């Protein structure tokens, strides 16, 4: 693949497929076939769409990094009948470099149905004196959590305070969650 040239028409075609499939843009087969691929024969066009949709789907569903992509494309190039040329592989690599983050973010946004954690901040306050008590050694944790819908700036803010017992209970619950997650991985 090194030294192979990127096919600009194929790159535009791949971008069209991605926009249609992942970004809900209305791009017709006729537009792709006539304007991007210079009126390619319908049967040849159908085979090309099928081939590259399968390849893109494999790349996207695996969320391939660039090393995995290189190995995957090398294996596709070794298939019988020249399934994938080095130029096609170079073009797919360029496409994935341009679209990987956008497609990933879109898929994550589609799978997030509820509010998400926007930020979490906390601090520990230590009270050493009170008006009527000369020595007071109480600590408390003050927590601020921002929750909001994905893709929106607006968020709800929740403030709360925890004493020593509450912090210990919270830490115990977090450890239980960590153990549960570790047991499933």
N, C-alpha and C. Protein backbone atom coordinates (compact mmCIF):
# COMPACT_ATOMS: atom_id res chain seq x y z
N UNK A 1 0.81 -1.19 0.00
CA UNK A 1 0.00 0.00 0.00
C UNK A 1 0.86 1.26 0.00
N UNK A 2 2.07 1.16 0.56
CA UNK A 2 2.94 2.32 0.54
C UNK A 2 3.25 2.68 -0.90
N UNK A 3 3.18 3.92 -1.21
CA UNK A 3 3.46 4.38 -2.56
C UNK A 3 2.26 4.29 -3.49
N UNK A 4 1.22 3.61 -3.08
CA UNK A 4 0.01 3.51 -3.92
C UNK A 4 -0.72 4.86 -3.90
N UNK A 5 -1.30 5.20 -5.03
CA UNK A 5 -1.98 6.48 -5.13
C UNK A 5 -3.44 6.35 -4.69
N UNK A 6 -3.94 7.43 -4.16
CA UNK A 6 -5.33 7.49 -3.72
C UNK A 6 -6.20 7.84 -4.92
N UNK A 7 -7.23 7.06 -5.13
CA UNK A 7 -8.18 7.29 -6.21
C UNK A 7 -9.22 8.30 -5.70
N UNK A 8 -9.17 9.52 -6.20
CA UNK A 8 -10.04 10.59 -5.69
C UNK A 8 -11.52 10.32 -5.95
N UNK A 9 -11.83 9.71 -7.08
CA UNK A 9 -13.23 9.39 -7.36
C UNK A 9 -13.74 8.33 -6.40
N UNK A 10 -12.90 7.34 -6.13
CA UNK A 10 -13.28 6.30 -5.17
C UNK A 10 -13.43 6.90 -3.77
N UNK A 11 -12.55 7.82 -3.41
CA UNK A 11 -12.63 8.48 -2.11
C UNK A 11 -13.95 9.25 -1.99
N UNK A 12 -14.32 9.97 -3.03
CA UNK A 12 -15.60 10.69 -3.03
C UNK A 12 -16.77 9.71 -2.92
N UNK A 13 -16.67 8.58 -3.62
CA UNK A 13 -17.68 7.53 -3.56
C UNK A 13 -17.81 6.98 -2.14
N UNK A 14 -16.69 6.68 -1.50
CA UNK A 14 -16.70 6.16 -0.12
C UNK A 14 -17.29 7.19 0.85
N UNK A 15 -16.94 8.44 0.66
CA UNK A 15 -17.52 9.49 1.50
C UNK A 15 -19.03 9.59 1.30
N UNK A 16 -19.48 9.41 0.07
CA UNK A 16 -20.91 9.42 -0.22
C UNK A 16 -21.62 8.27 0.47
N UNK A 17 -21.02 7.08 0.42
CA UNK A 17 -21.61 5.92 1.10
C UNK A 17 -21.69 6.17 2.60
N UNK A 18 -20.61 6.71 3.16
CA UNK A 18 -20.59 6.97 4.61
C UNK A 18 -21.62 8.03 5.00
N UNK A 19 -21.73 9.09 4.22
CA UNK A 19 -22.71 10.13 4.53
C UNK A 19 -24.12 9.58 4.47
N UNK A 20 -24.37 8.73 3.52
CA UNK A 20 -25.70 8.13 3.37
C UNK A 20 -26.00 7.18 4.52
N UNK A 21 -25.04 6.36 4.88
CA UNK A 21 -25.29 5.32 5.88
C UNK A 21 -25.21 5.82 7.31
N UNK A 22 -24.22 6.66 7.62
CA UNK A 22 -23.97 7.04 9.01
C UNK A 22 -24.45 8.44 9.37
N UNK A 23 -24.63 9.31 8.39
CA UNK A 23 -25.00 10.69 8.69
C UNK A 23 -26.36 11.07 8.12
N UNK A 24 -27.11 10.09 7.65
CA UNK A 24 -28.49 10.27 7.18
C UNK A 24 -28.65 11.34 6.10
N UNK A 25 -27.65 11.50 5.28
CA UNK A 25 -27.77 12.42 4.16
C UNK A 25 -28.41 11.69 2.99
N UNK A 26 -29.23 12.39 2.26
CA UNK A 26 -29.92 11.78 1.14
C UNK A 26 -29.05 11.86 -0.11
N UNK A 27 -28.31 10.80 -0.33
CA UNK A 27 -27.45 10.71 -1.51
C UNK A 27 -27.92 9.48 -2.29
N UNK A 28 -28.42 9.71 -3.46
CA UNK A 28 -29.00 8.61 -4.25
C UNK A 28 -27.91 7.83 -4.98
N UNK A 29 -28.26 6.61 -5.33
CA UNK A 29 -27.36 5.78 -6.13
C UNK A 29 -27.09 6.45 -7.48
N UNK A 30 -28.13 7.07 -8.04
CA UNK A 30 -27.96 7.72 -9.34
C UNK A 30 -26.94 8.85 -9.26
N UNK A 31 -27.00 9.63 -8.18
CA UNK A 31 -26.04 10.73 -8.02
C UNK A 31 -24.62 10.18 -7.89
N UNK A 32 -24.45 9.16 -7.07
CA UNK A 32 -23.11 8.58 -6.91
C UNK A 32 -22.63 7.97 -8.23
N UNK A 33 -23.50 7.24 -8.89
CA UNK A 33 -23.12 6.56 -10.13
C UNK A 33 -22.83 7.55 -11.25
N UNK A 34 -23.71 8.54 -11.43
CA UNK A 34 -23.58 9.45 -12.56
C UNK A 34 -22.55 10.56 -12.32
N UNK A 35 -22.58 11.16 -11.14
CA UNK A 35 -21.72 12.33 -10.91
C UNK A 35 -20.34 11.95 -10.37
N UNK A 36 -20.29 10.96 -9.50
CA UNK A 36 -19.00 10.61 -8.90
C UNK A 36 -18.25 9.59 -9.75
N UNK A 37 -18.96 8.62 -10.27
CA UNK A 37 -18.30 7.53 -11.01
C UNK A 37 -18.53 7.60 -12.51
N UNK A 38 -18.89 8.76 -13.02
CA UNK A 38 -19.00 9.02 -14.46
C UNK A 38 -19.91 8.04 -15.19
N UNK A 39 -21.09 7.79 -14.62
CA UNK A 39 -22.09 6.98 -15.31
C UNK A 39 -21.70 5.53 -15.49
N UNK A 40 -21.09 4.95 -14.52
CA UNK A 40 -20.67 3.54 -14.55
C UNK A 40 -21.88 2.65 -14.84
N UNK A 41 -21.65 1.52 -15.47
CA UNK A 41 -22.68 0.53 -15.75
C UNK A 41 -23.38 0.12 -14.44
N UNK A 42 -24.70 -0.07 -14.50
CA UNK A 42 -25.49 -0.36 -13.29
C UNK A 42 -25.04 -1.62 -12.56
N UNK A 43 -24.76 -2.69 -13.31
CA UNK A 43 -24.33 -3.94 -12.68
C UNK A 43 -22.96 -3.77 -12.01
N UNK A 44 -22.07 -3.11 -12.69
CA UNK A 44 -20.74 -2.85 -12.15
C UNK A 44 -20.85 -1.95 -10.91
N UNK A 45 -21.73 -0.97 -10.99
CA UNK A 45 -21.95 -0.07 -9.86
C UNK A 45 -22.50 -0.83 -8.66
N UNK A 46 -23.49 -1.69 -8.88
CA UNK A 46 -24.08 -2.48 -7.79
C UNK A 46 -23.04 -3.35 -7.11
N UNK A 47 -22.17 -3.97 -7.90
CA UNK A 47 -21.10 -4.81 -7.34
C UNK A 47 -20.12 -3.96 -6.53
N UNK A 48 -19.81 -2.77 -7.03
CA UNK A 48 -18.89 -1.87 -6.32
C UNK A 48 -19.48 -1.40 -5.00
N UNK A 49 -20.76 -1.04 -4.99
CA UNK A 49 -21.44 -0.61 -3.77
C UNK A 49 -21.44 -1.75 -2.75
N UNK A 50 -21.81 -2.92 -3.19
CA UNK A 50 -21.85 -4.08 -2.29
C UNK A 50 -20.48 -4.36 -1.68
N UNK A 51 -19.47 -4.35 -2.51
CA UNK A 51 -18.10 -4.63 -2.06
C UNK A 51 -17.64 -3.61 -1.02
N UNK A 52 -17.79 -2.34 -1.32
CA UNK A 52 -17.27 -1.31 -0.42
C UNK A 52 -18.15 -1.10 0.80
N UNK A 53 -19.45 -1.35 0.69
CA UNK A 53 -20.29 -1.29 1.90
C UNK A 53 -19.88 -2.38 2.88
N UNK A 54 -19.59 -3.58 2.36
CA UNK A 54 -19.13 -4.67 3.23
C UNK A 54 -17.80 -4.32 3.88
N UNK A 55 -16.87 -3.78 3.09
CA UNK A 55 -15.57 -3.41 3.65
C UNK A 55 -15.70 -2.32 4.71
N UNK A 56 -16.47 -1.28 4.40
CA UNK A 56 -16.65 -0.19 5.36
C UNK A 56 -17.34 -0.70 6.61
N UNK A 57 -18.35 -1.54 6.45
CA UNK A 57 -19.06 -2.09 7.60
C UNK A 57 -18.11 -2.89 8.49
N UNK A 58 -17.24 -3.69 7.89
CA UNK A 58 -16.26 -4.46 8.67
C UNK A 58 -15.32 -3.54 9.43
N UNK A 59 -14.86 -2.49 8.77
CA UNK A 59 -13.93 -1.55 9.40
C UNK A 59 -14.62 -0.81 10.54
N UNK A 60 -15.85 -0.35 10.31
CA UNK A 60 -16.58 0.42 11.31
C UNK A 60 -16.98 -0.43 12.50
N UNK A 61 -17.53 -1.61 12.26
CA UNK A 61 -18.00 -2.43 13.37
C UNK A 61 -16.85 -2.91 14.24
N UNK A 62 -15.67 -3.05 13.67
CA UNK A 62 -14.50 -3.42 14.46
C UNK A 62 -13.81 -2.21 15.06
N UNK A 63 -14.22 -1.02 14.66
CA UNK A 63 -13.58 0.23 15.10
C UNK A 63 -12.07 0.09 15.00
N UNK A 64 -11.62 -0.27 13.81
CA UNK A 64 -10.21 -0.61 13.59
C UNK A 64 -9.30 0.58 13.81
N UNK A 65 -8.17 0.29 14.48
CA UNK A 65 -7.11 1.29 14.50
C UNK A 65 -6.33 1.11 13.19
N UNK A 66 -5.30 1.92 12.97
CA UNK A 66 -4.67 1.91 11.66
C UNK A 66 -3.79 0.68 11.43
N UNK A 67 -3.27 0.07 12.49
CA UNK A 67 -2.54 -1.18 12.34
C UNK A 67 -3.48 -2.31 11.94
N UNK A 68 -4.63 -2.38 12.61
CA UNK A 68 -5.62 -3.40 12.27
C UNK A 68 -6.13 -3.19 10.85
N UNK A 69 -6.34 -1.94 10.47
CA UNK A 69 -6.81 -1.63 9.12
C UNK A 69 -5.80 -2.11 8.08
N UNK A 70 -4.53 -1.85 8.33
CA UNK A 70 -3.49 -2.26 7.40
C UNK A 70 -3.48 -3.78 7.23
N UNK A 71 -3.57 -4.51 8.33
CA UNK A 71 -3.60 -5.98 8.27
C UNK A 71 -4.85 -6.45 7.52
N UNK A 72 -5.99 -5.85 7.84
CA UNK A 72 -7.25 -6.21 7.18
C UNK A 72 -7.17 -5.97 5.67
N UNK A 73 -6.66 -4.82 5.28
CA UNK A 73 -6.59 -4.49 3.85
C UNK A 73 -5.57 -5.38 3.14
N UNK A 74 -4.47 -5.72 3.80
CA UNK A 74 -3.50 -6.65 3.21
C UNK A 74 -4.16 -8.00 2.93
N UNK A 75 -4.97 -8.47 3.89
CA UNK A 75 -5.64 -9.76 3.69
C UNK A 75 -6.66 -9.67 2.54
N UNK A 76 -7.32 -8.52 2.40
CA UNK A 76 -8.28 -8.36 1.30
C UNK A 76 -7.56 -8.31 -0.05
N UNK A 77 -6.37 -7.75 -0.07
CA UNK A 77 -5.61 -7.65 -1.32
C UNK A 77 -5.10 -9.03 -1.76
N UNK A 78 -4.94 -9.96 -0.82
CA UNK A 78 -4.43 -11.29 -1.14
C UNK A 78 -5.52 -12.26 -1.61
N UNK A 79 -6.77 -11.82 -1.54
CA UNK A 79 -7.87 -12.68 -2.00
C UNK A 79 -7.77 -12.93 -3.50
N UNK A 80 -8.45 -13.99 -3.93
CA UNK A 80 -8.46 -14.34 -5.36
C UNK A 80 -9.08 -13.22 -6.19
N UNK A 81 -8.77 -13.23 -7.44
CA UNK A 81 -9.38 -12.35 -8.44
C UNK A 81 -9.14 -10.87 -8.16
N UNK A 82 -8.07 -10.53 -7.46
CA UNK A 82 -7.76 -9.12 -7.21
C UNK A 82 -8.90 -8.37 -6.56
N UNK A 83 -9.41 -8.93 -5.47
CA UNK A 83 -10.58 -8.35 -4.79
C UNK A 83 -10.35 -6.88 -4.44
N UNK A 84 -9.13 -6.54 -4.05
CA UNK A 84 -8.83 -5.16 -3.66
C UNK A 84 -7.44 -4.80 -4.19
N UNK A 85 -7.35 -3.72 -4.93
CA UNK A 85 -6.06 -3.28 -5.44
C UNK A 85 -5.33 -2.44 -4.39
N UNK A 86 -4.05 -2.21 -4.61
CA UNK A 86 -3.28 -1.39 -3.66
C UNK A 86 -3.80 0.05 -3.66
N UNK A 87 -4.28 0.52 -4.81
CA UNK A 87 -4.86 1.86 -4.89
C UNK A 87 -6.16 1.93 -4.08
N UNK A 88 -7.00 0.87 -4.18
CA UNK A 88 -8.23 0.80 -3.39
C UNK A 88 -7.91 0.80 -1.90
N UNK A 89 -6.89 0.03 -1.52
CA UNK A 89 -6.49 -0.05 -0.11
C UNK A 89 -5.98 1.30 0.39
N UNK A 90 -5.19 1.98 -0.42
CA UNK A 90 -4.69 3.30 -0.04
C UNK A 90 -5.85 4.29 0.10
N UNK A 91 -6.83 4.17 -0.78
CA UNK A 91 -8.00 5.05 -0.73
C UNK A 91 -8.83 4.76 0.51
N UNK A 92 -9.03 3.48 0.85
CA UNK A 92 -9.76 3.13 2.07
C UNK A 92 -9.03 3.63 3.32
N UNK A 93 -7.70 3.55 3.31
CA UNK A 93 -6.92 4.06 4.43
C UNK A 93 -7.11 5.56 4.58
N UNK A 94 -7.05 6.28 3.48
CA UNK A 94 -7.27 7.74 3.51
C UNK A 94 -8.69 8.05 3.99
N UNK A 95 -9.67 7.31 3.48
CA UNK A 95 -11.06 7.49 3.90
C UNK A 95 -11.19 7.30 5.41
N UNK A 96 -10.58 6.24 5.94
CA UNK A 96 -10.70 5.94 7.37
C UNK A 96 -10.00 7.00 8.21
N UNK A 97 -8.89 7.53 7.73
CA UNK A 97 -8.20 8.61 8.45
C UNK A 97 -9.10 9.85 8.54
N UNK A 98 -9.85 10.11 7.48
CA UNK A 98 -10.72 11.29 7.45
C UNK A 98 -12.02 11.08 8.22
N UNK A 99 -12.55 9.87 8.22
CA UNK A 99 -13.90 9.64 8.74
C UNK A 99 -13.98 8.89 10.07
N UNK A 100 -12.91 8.28 10.53
CA UNK A 100 -12.95 7.41 11.71
C UNK A 100 -13.58 8.10 12.91
N UNK A 101 -13.07 9.25 13.29
CA UNK A 101 -13.58 9.94 14.48
C UNK A 101 -15.03 10.39 14.30
N UNK A 102 -15.36 10.89 13.12
CA UNK A 102 -16.72 11.36 12.87
C UNK A 102 -17.73 10.21 12.97
N UNK A 103 -17.39 9.10 12.34
CA UNK A 103 -18.30 7.94 12.38
C UNK A 103 -18.40 7.40 13.80
N UNK A 104 -17.28 7.31 14.49
CA UNK A 104 -17.29 6.81 15.87
C UNK A 104 -18.17 7.69 16.76
N UNK A 105 -17.99 9.01 16.67
CA UNK A 105 -18.80 9.93 17.48
C UNK A 105 -20.28 9.82 17.15
N UNK A 106 -20.60 9.66 15.88
CA UNK A 106 -22.00 9.53 15.46
C UNK A 106 -22.61 8.25 16.03
N UNK A 107 -21.89 7.15 15.97
CA UNK A 107 -22.39 5.89 16.49
C UNK A 107 -22.55 5.93 18.02
N UNK A 108 -21.62 6.58 18.69
CA UNK A 108 -21.73 6.72 20.15
C UNK A 108 -22.95 7.57 20.49
N UNK A 109 -23.15 8.65 19.75
CA UNK A 109 -24.32 9.51 20.00
C UNK A 109 -25.63 8.76 19.75
N UNK A 110 -25.64 7.87 18.77
CA UNK A 110 -26.85 7.11 18.49
C UNK A 110 -27.16 6.08 19.57
N UNK A 111 -26.15 5.65 20.28
CA UNK A 111 -26.35 4.63 21.32
C UNK A 111 -26.48 5.22 22.72
N UNK A 112 -26.42 6.53 22.84
CA UNK A 112 -26.60 7.19 24.13
C UNK A 112 -28.03 7.69 24.19
N UNK A 113 -28.83 7.05 25.06
CA UNK A 113 -30.25 7.37 25.11
C UNK A 113 -30.60 8.32 26.24
N UNK A 114 -29.77 8.42 27.22
CA UNK A 114 -30.11 9.19 28.41
C UNK A 114 -29.05 10.24 28.65
N UNK A 115 -29.20 10.96 29.74
CA UNK A 115 -28.21 11.97 30.10
C UNK A 115 -26.85 11.32 30.30
N UNK A 116 -25.82 12.12 30.08
CA UNK A 116 -24.47 11.66 30.30
C UNK A 116 -23.77 12.58 31.29
N UNK A 117 -22.74 12.06 31.89
CA UNK A 117 -21.96 12.84 32.86
C UNK A 117 -21.11 13.84 32.10
N UNK A 118 -21.37 15.12 32.34
CA UNK A 118 -20.61 16.18 31.67
C UNK A 118 -19.35 16.52 32.46
N UNK A 119 -19.50 16.63 33.80
CA UNK A 119 -18.33 16.90 34.63
C UNK A 119 -18.61 16.47 36.06
N UNK A 120 -17.54 16.23 36.77
CA UNK A 120 -17.59 15.87 38.18
C UNK A 120 -16.47 16.61 38.86
N UNK A 121 -16.80 17.39 39.87
CA UNK A 121 -15.76 18.07 40.65
C UNK A 121 -16.07 17.89 42.12
N UNK A 122 -15.03 17.87 42.92
CA UNK A 122 -15.22 17.65 44.35
C UNK A 122 -14.10 18.33 45.12
N UNK A 123 -14.35 18.51 46.39
CA UNK A 123 -13.31 19.04 47.28
C UNK A 123 -13.60 18.52 48.68
N UNK A 124 -12.58 18.53 49.52
CA UNK A 124 -12.73 18.10 50.91
C UNK A 124 -12.54 19.33 51.78
N UNK A 125 -13.51 19.59 52.65
CA UNK A 125 -13.42 20.69 53.60
C UNK A 125 -13.17 20.12 54.98
N UNK A 126 -12.30 20.76 55.72
CA UNK A 126 -12.03 20.36 57.10
C UNK A 126 -12.39 21.53 58.01
N UNK A 127 -13.28 21.27 58.91
CA UNK A 127 -13.71 22.29 59.86
C UNK A 127 -12.95 22.05 61.16
N UNK A 128 -12.15 23.04 61.58
CA UNK A 128 -11.33 22.85 62.77
C UNK A 128 -11.86 23.61 63.99
N UNK A 129 -12.70 24.58 63.77
CA UNK A 129 -13.26 25.36 64.86
C UNK A 129 -14.70 25.72 64.55
N UNK A 130 -15.47 25.84 65.60
CA UNK A 130 -16.82 26.36 65.48
C UNK A 130 -16.99 27.43 66.56
N UNK A 131 -18.03 28.18 66.47
CA UNK A 131 -18.23 29.28 67.39
C UNK A 131 -18.27 28.81 68.86
N UNK A 132 -18.95 27.73 69.13
CA UNK A 132 -19.13 27.28 70.51
C UNK A 132 -18.29 26.06 70.85
N UNK A 133 -17.55 25.52 69.88
CA UNK A 133 -16.72 24.35 70.14
C UNK A 133 -15.29 24.73 69.77
N UNK A 134 -14.34 24.59 70.73
CA UNK A 134 -12.98 25.05 70.49
C UNK A 134 -12.22 24.15 69.52
N UNK A 135 -12.40 22.84 69.62
CA UNK A 135 -11.74 21.94 68.68
C UNK A 135 -12.77 21.06 68.01
N UNK A 136 -12.79 21.14 66.72
CA UNK A 136 -13.76 20.38 65.94
C UNK A 136 -13.01 19.83 64.73
N UNK A 137 -12.90 18.54 64.65
CA UNK A 137 -12.19 17.92 63.52
C UNK A 137 -13.18 17.14 62.66
N UNK A 138 -13.94 17.85 61.90
CA UNK A 138 -14.89 17.22 60.99
C UNK A 138 -14.49 17.52 59.56
N UNK A 139 -14.54 16.49 58.76
CA UNK A 139 -14.28 16.69 57.33
C UNK A 139 -15.55 16.35 56.56
N UNK A 140 -15.68 16.98 55.44
CA UNK A 140 -16.81 16.68 54.57
C UNK A 140 -16.35 16.83 53.12
N UNK A 141 -16.94 16.03 52.28
CA UNK A 141 -16.65 16.12 50.85
C UNK A 141 -17.82 16.83 50.19
N UNK A 142 -17.51 17.80 49.37
CA UNK A 142 -18.54 18.53 48.64
C UNK A 142 -18.37 18.16 47.17
N UNK A 143 -19.46 17.68 46.58
CA UNK A 143 -19.41 17.14 45.22
C UNK A 143 -20.37 17.93 44.33
N UNK A 144 -19.93 18.18 43.11
CA UNK A 144 -20.77 18.82 42.10
C UNK A 144 -20.73 17.96 40.85
N UNK A 145 -21.91 17.58 40.38
CA UNK A 145 -22.04 16.75 39.18
C UNK A 145 -22.89 17.50 38.16
N UNK A 146 -22.42 17.51 36.91
CA UNK A 146 -23.20 18.09 35.82
C UNK A 146 -23.65 16.96 34.91
N UNK A 147 -24.95 16.87 34.71
CA UNK A 147 -25.55 15.85 33.85
C UNK A 147 -26.34 16.56 32.76
N UNK A 148 -26.29 15.99 31.56
CA UNK A 148 -27.06 16.61 30.49
C UNK A 148 -27.17 15.68 29.31
N UNK A 149 -28.07 16.03 28.40
CA UNK A 149 -28.23 15.21 27.20
C UNK A 149 -27.00 15.32 26.29
N UNK A 150 -26.70 14.25 25.57
CA UNK A 150 -25.57 14.33 24.65
C UNK A 150 -25.82 15.38 23.57
N UNK A 151 -24.76 15.92 23.05
CA UNK A 151 -24.82 16.90 21.95
C UNK A 151 -25.51 18.21 22.31
N UNK A 152 -25.65 18.49 23.59
CA UNK A 152 -26.25 19.76 24.00
C UNK A 152 -25.40 20.38 25.09
N UNK A 153 -25.36 21.70 25.10
CA UNK A 153 -24.58 22.42 26.10
C UNK A 153 -25.29 22.47 27.45
N UNK A 154 -26.61 22.53 27.43
CA UNK A 154 -27.39 22.66 28.67
C UNK A 154 -27.19 21.43 29.54
N UNK A 155 -27.14 21.67 30.85
CA UNK A 155 -26.99 20.54 31.76
C UNK A 155 -27.58 20.89 33.12
N UNK A 156 -27.91 19.84 33.86
CA UNK A 156 -28.39 19.99 35.23
C UNK A 156 -27.19 19.83 36.16
N UNK A 157 -27.19 20.63 37.24
CA UNK A 157 -26.10 20.57 38.20
C UNK A 157 -26.66 20.07 39.52
N UNK A 158 -25.98 19.09 40.09
CA UNK A 158 -26.37 18.52 41.37
C UNK A 158 -25.22 18.76 42.35
N UNK A 159 -25.52 19.39 43.49
CA UNK A 159 -24.54 19.61 44.55
C UNK A 159 -24.95 18.76 45.75
N UNK A 160 -23.98 18.14 46.40
CA UNK A 160 -24.29 17.44 47.65
C UNK A 160 -23.04 17.35 48.51
N UNK A 161 -23.26 17.08 49.78
CA UNK A 161 -22.18 17.02 50.75
C UNK A 161 -22.20 15.66 51.42
N UNK A 162 -21.02 15.12 51.65
CA UNK A 162 -20.89 13.81 52.29
C UNK A 162 -20.03 13.94 53.55
N UNK A 163 -20.47 13.27 54.63
CA UNK A 163 -19.62 13.22 55.81
C UNK A 163 -18.74 11.98 55.73
N UNK A 164 -17.96 11.69 56.79
CA UNK A 164 -17.03 10.56 56.77
C UNK A 164 -17.74 9.24 56.47
N UNK A 165 -18.86 8.98 57.14
CA UNK A 165 -19.57 7.73 56.94
C UNK A 165 -20.10 7.62 55.51
N UNK A 166 -20.62 8.71 54.99
CA UNK A 166 -21.15 8.70 53.62
C UNK A 166 -20.05 8.41 52.60
N UNK A 167 -18.86 9.00 52.82
CA UNK A 167 -17.74 8.78 51.90
C UNK A 167 -17.32 7.31 51.92
N UNK A 168 -17.24 6.74 53.13
CA UNK A 168 -16.87 5.32 53.24
C UNK A 168 -17.89 4.43 52.55
N UNK A 169 -19.19 4.74 52.72
CA UNK A 169 -20.23 3.96 52.07
C UNK A 169 -20.14 4.10 50.55
N UNK A 170 -19.92 5.30 50.07
CA UNK A 170 -19.79 5.55 48.64
C UNK A 170 -18.59 4.79 48.08
N UNK A 171 -17.46 4.83 48.77
CA UNK A 171 -16.26 4.12 48.31
C UNK A 171 -16.49 2.61 48.29
N UNK A 172 -17.23 2.11 49.26
CA UNK A 172 -17.56 0.68 49.30
C UNK A 172 -18.40 0.30 48.09
N UNK A 173 -19.36 1.15 47.74
CA UNK A 173 -20.21 0.87 46.58
C UNK A 173 -19.41 0.95 45.28
N UNK A 174 -18.49 1.89 45.19
CA UNK A 174 -17.65 1.99 44.00
C UNK A 174 -16.77 0.74 43.87
N UNK A 175 -16.24 0.26 44.98
CA UNK A 175 -15.44 -0.97 44.95
C UNK A 175 -16.29 -2.16 44.52
N UNK A 176 -17.54 -2.22 44.99
CA UNK A 176 -18.43 -3.30 44.56
C UNK A 176 -18.67 -3.25 43.05
N UNK A 177 -18.85 -2.05 42.52
CA UNK A 177 -19.06 -1.87 41.08
C UNK A 177 -17.80 -2.30 40.33
N UNK A 178 -16.64 -1.91 40.81
CA UNK A 178 -15.38 -2.30 40.17
C UNK A 178 -15.22 -3.81 40.14
N UNK A 179 -15.55 -4.47 41.25
CA UNK A 179 -15.45 -5.94 41.30
C UNK A 179 -16.43 -6.56 40.31
N UNK A 180 -17.63 -6.04 40.22
CA UNK A 180 -18.64 -6.58 39.29
C UNK A 180 -18.16 -6.42 37.86
N UNK A 181 -17.60 -5.28 37.53
CA UNK A 181 -17.09 -5.05 36.17
C UNK A 181 -15.90 -5.98 35.89
N UNK A 182 -15.01 -6.11 36.85
CA UNK A 182 -13.83 -6.98 36.68
C UNK A 182 -14.24 -8.44 36.49
N UNK A 183 -15.30 -8.87 37.13
CA UNK A 183 -15.74 -10.26 37.00
C UNK A 183 -16.32 -10.55 35.62
N UNK A 184 -16.73 -9.53 34.90
CA UNK A 184 -17.33 -9.72 33.57
C UNK A 184 -16.34 -9.47 32.43
N UNK A 185 -15.11 -9.09 32.77
CA UNK A 185 -14.13 -8.83 31.69
C UNK A 185 -13.10 -9.91 31.62
